[in-house]
Amino acid sequence: MSSYDFYMLLRSVDELLSRLMPLLIILTAGLVGLVLLRVWIKRRPAERFDKQMLDLQRRVERLEQRLPPDSR
């Protein structure tokens, strides 16, 4: 491979990269966004349905205790 062939190869690679750079940037940003979304979803605490039900039952009991005795 002569130096001229190598130079032409580098020029063609440079031109290809300059044409594909916007696409590469968009794909990279999308990939980073997906990774961040996955990390954010995994770090959120799992919603406990049983805990919510127990909290609601306790709240209802406290509200019932505040009612006057004749309205129960």
N, C-alpha and C. Protein backbone atom coordinates (compact mmCIF):
# COMPACT_ATOMS: atom_id res chain seq x y z
N MET A 1 0.86 -1.17 0.00
CA MET A 1 0.00 0.00 0.00
C MET A 1 0.91 1.23 0.00
N SER A 2 0.72 2.04 -0.97
CA SER A 2 1.56 3.25 -1.06
C SER A 2 1.02 4.32 -0.12
N SER A 3 1.80 5.33 0.08
CA SER A 3 1.39 6.41 0.97
C SER A 3 0.19 7.15 0.40
N TYR A 4 0.10 7.22 -0.92
CA TYR A 4 -1.05 7.88 -1.53
C TYR A 4 -2.33 7.08 -1.26
N ASP A 5 -2.26 5.76 -1.37
CA ASP A 5 -3.43 4.92 -1.08
C ASP A 5 -3.85 5.07 0.37
N PHE A 6 -2.87 5.12 1.25
CA PHE A 6 -3.18 5.30 2.67
C PHE A 6 -3.84 6.66 2.91
N TYR A 7 -3.33 7.68 2.25
CA TYR A 7 -3.89 9.02 2.36
C TYR A 7 -5.33 9.04 1.85
N MET A 8 -5.60 8.39 0.75
CA MET A 8 -6.96 8.33 0.20
C MET A 8 -7.89 7.55 1.13
N LEU A 9 -7.36 6.49 1.75
CA LEU A 9 -8.16 5.74 2.71
C LEU A 9 -8.53 6.62 3.90
N LEU A 10 -7.57 7.37 4.40
CA LEU A 10 -7.86 8.26 5.53
C LEU A 10 -8.86 9.34 5.14
N ARG A 11 -8.75 9.86 3.94
CA ARG A 11 -9.70 10.88 3.49
C ARG A 11 -11.10 10.31 3.38
N SER A 12 -11.22 9.08 2.87
CA SER A 12 -12.55 8.48 2.73
C SER A 12 -13.15 8.17 4.10
N VAL A 13 -12.31 7.71 5.03
CA VAL A 13 -12.81 7.46 6.39
C VAL A 13 -13.24 8.77 7.04
N ASP A 14 -12.47 9.83 6.84
CA ASP A 14 -12.81 11.13 7.40
C ASP A 14 -14.13 11.64 6.82
N GLU A 15 -14.31 11.49 5.53
CA GLU A 15 -15.56 11.93 4.90
C GLU A 15 -16.75 11.11 5.40
N LEU A 16 -16.55 9.82 5.54
CA LEU A 16 -17.62 8.96 6.04
C LEU A 16 -18.01 9.35 7.46
N LEU A 17 -17.00 9.58 8.31
CA LEU A 17 -17.29 9.98 9.68
C LEU A 17 -17.98 11.34 9.75
N SER A 18 -17.57 12.26 8.90
CA SER A 18 -18.21 13.58 8.92
C SER A 18 -19.66 13.49 8.46
N ARG A 19 -19.97 12.56 7.58
CA ARG A 19 -21.36 12.39 7.15
C ARG A 19 -22.20 11.66 8.21
N LEU A 20 -21.59 10.75 8.93
CA LEU A 20 -22.33 9.95 9.90
C LEU A 20 -22.32 10.55 11.31
N MET A 21 -21.57 11.63 11.53
CA MET A 21 -21.44 12.17 12.87
C MET A 21 -22.78 12.57 13.50
N PRO A 22 -23.69 13.26 12.80
CA PRO A 22 -24.98 13.58 13.44
C PRO A 22 -25.75 12.32 13.87
N LEU A 23 -25.72 11.31 13.04
CA LEU A 23 -26.40 10.06 13.39
C LEU A 23 -25.74 9.40 14.60
N LEU A 24 -24.42 9.40 14.62
CA LEU A 24 -23.71 8.81 15.76
C LEU A 24 -24.00 9.57 17.05
N ILE A 25 -24.09 10.89 16.97
CA ILE A 25 -24.38 11.69 18.16
C ILE A 25 -25.79 11.39 18.66
N ILE A 26 -26.75 11.30 17.75
CA ILE A 26 -28.13 11.01 18.15
C ILE A 26 -28.23 9.61 18.76
N LEU A 27 -27.58 8.64 18.15
CA LEU A 27 -27.62 7.28 18.69
C LEU A 27 -26.95 7.20 20.06
N THR A 28 -25.85 7.90 20.23
CA THR A 28 -25.16 7.91 21.52
C THR A 28 -26.03 8.56 22.59
N ALA A 29 -26.66 9.68 22.25
CA ALA A 29 -27.54 10.35 23.21
C ALA A 29 -28.72 9.45 23.58
N GLY A 30 -29.27 8.75 22.62
CA GLY A 30 -30.37 7.83 22.91
C GLY A 30 -29.94 6.69 23.80
N LEU A 31 -28.76 6.16 23.55
CA LEU A 31 -28.25 5.07 24.38
C LEU A 31 -28.00 5.53 25.81
N VAL A 32 -27.42 6.71 25.96
CA VAL A 32 -27.19 7.26 27.31
C VAL A 32 -28.52 7.51 28.00
N GLY A 33 -29.50 8.01 27.26
CA GLY A 33 -30.83 8.23 27.83
C GLY A 33 -31.47 6.94 28.31
N LEU A 34 -31.35 5.89 27.53
CA LEU A 34 -31.91 4.60 27.94
C LEU A 34 -31.23 4.05 29.19
N VAL A 35 -29.92 4.19 29.25
CA VAL A 35 -29.19 3.71 30.43
C VAL A 35 -29.61 4.50 31.67
N LEU A 36 -29.71 5.82 31.54
CA LEU A 36 -30.12 6.64 32.68
C LEU A 36 -31.55 6.32 33.11
N LEU A 37 -32.43 6.08 32.15
CA LEU A 37 -33.81 5.72 32.47
C LEU A 37 -33.87 4.39 33.21
N ARG A 38 -33.07 3.44 32.77
CA ARG A 38 -33.05 2.13 33.44
C ARG A 38 -32.52 2.25 34.86
N VAL A 39 -31.45 3.04 35.05
CA VAL A 39 -30.90 3.24 36.39
C VAL A 39 -31.92 3.93 37.28
N TRP A 40 -32.63 4.92 36.74
CA TRP A 40 -33.62 5.65 37.54
C TRP A 40 -34.77 4.73 37.94
N ILE A 41 -35.21 3.87 37.03
CA ILE A 41 -36.31 2.95 37.34
C ILE A 41 -35.87 1.94 38.39
N LYS A 42 -34.64 1.43 38.29
CA LYS A 42 -34.18 0.43 39.25
C LYS A 42 -33.95 1.04 40.63
N ARG A 43 -33.62 2.32 40.72
CA ARG A 43 -33.34 2.94 42.02
C ARG A 43 -34.61 3.33 42.75
N ARG A 44 -35.72 3.47 42.02
CA ARG A 44 -36.98 3.83 42.69
C ARG A 44 -37.40 2.70 43.60
N PRO A 45 -37.88 3.03 44.79
CA PRO A 45 -38.35 1.95 45.66
C PRO A 45 -39.61 1.30 45.08
N ALA A 46 -39.68 0.03 45.26
CA ALA A 46 -40.85 -0.70 44.77
C ALA A 46 -42.08 -0.29 45.57
N GLU A 47 -43.18 -0.11 44.88
CA GLU A 47 -44.41 0.27 45.57
C GLU A 47 -44.99 -0.97 46.24
N ARG A 48 -45.24 -0.83 47.50
CA ARG A 48 -45.78 -1.96 48.27
C ARG A 48 -47.28 -1.76 48.44
N PHE A 49 -48.04 -2.59 47.74
CA PHE A 49 -49.49 -2.48 47.81
C PHE A 49 -49.98 -2.79 49.22
N ASP A 50 -49.39 -3.80 49.87
CA ASP A 50 -49.81 -4.17 51.22
C ASP A 50 -49.57 -3.02 52.19
N LYS A 51 -48.45 -2.34 52.06
CA LYS A 51 -48.14 -1.23 52.95
C LYS A 51 -49.14 -0.10 52.74
N GLN A 52 -49.50 0.17 51.50
CA GLN A 52 -50.48 1.22 51.23
C GLN A 52 -51.84 0.86 51.83
N MET A 53 -52.24 -0.40 51.70
CA MET A 53 -53.52 -0.83 52.28
C MET A 53 -53.50 -0.70 53.79
N LEU A 54 -52.40 -1.11 54.42
CA LEU A 54 -52.29 -1.01 55.87
C LEU A 54 -52.33 0.45 56.32
N ASP A 55 -51.64 1.33 55.60
CA ASP A 55 -51.67 2.75 55.93
C ASP A 55 -53.09 3.31 55.81
N LEU A 56 -53.81 2.91 54.77
CA LEU A 56 -55.19 3.38 54.60
C LEU A 56 -56.10 2.86 55.71
N GLN A 57 -55.92 1.59 56.10
CA GLN A 57 -56.73 1.04 57.18
C GLN A 57 -56.47 1.78 58.49
N ARG A 58 -55.21 2.06 58.78
CA ARG A 58 -54.89 2.81 60.00
C ARG A 58 -55.48 4.22 59.96
N ARG A 59 -55.44 4.83 58.80
CA ARG A 59 -55.99 6.17 58.66
C ARG A 59 -57.50 6.16 58.89
N VAL A 60 -58.17 5.14 58.33
CA VAL A 60 -59.62 5.02 58.54
C VAL A 60 -59.92 4.79 60.01
N GLU A 61 -59.13 3.95 60.68
CA GLU A 61 -59.35 3.70 62.11
C GLU A 61 -59.18 4.97 62.93
N ARG A 62 -58.15 5.76 62.60
CA ARG A 62 -57.95 7.02 63.34
C ARG A 62 -59.10 7.99 63.09
N LEU A 63 -59.59 8.04 61.85
CA LEU A 63 -60.72 8.92 61.56
C LEU A 63 -61.99 8.43 62.25
N GLU A 64 -62.18 7.11 62.33
CA GLU A 64 -63.36 6.58 63.02
C GLU A 64 -63.31 6.87 64.51
N GLN A 65 -62.12 6.88 65.08
CA GLN A 65 -62.00 7.18 66.51
C GLN A 65 -62.35 8.64 66.80
N ARG A 66 -62.19 9.50 65.83
CA ARG A 66 -62.50 10.92 66.03
C ARG A 66 -63.99 11.21 65.91
N LEU A 67 -64.74 10.25 65.37
CA LEU A 67 -66.19 10.45 65.24
C LEU A 67 -66.86 10.40 66.61
N PRO A 68 -67.93 11.14 66.77
CA PRO A 68 -68.68 11.03 68.04
C PRO A 68 -69.29 9.63 68.16
N PRO A 69 -69.49 9.15 69.39
CA PRO A 69 -69.97 7.77 69.59
C PRO A 69 -71.34 7.49 68.97
N ASP A 70 -72.23 8.47 68.90
CA ASP A 70 -73.58 8.20 68.39
C ASP A 70 -73.63 8.11 66.86
N SER A 71 -72.61 8.55 66.15
CA SER A 71 -72.66 8.51 64.69
C SER A 71 -71.96 7.28 64.11
N ARG A 72 -71.47 6.41 64.95
CA ARG A 72 -70.76 5.21 64.44
C ARG A 72 -71.71 4.14 64.02
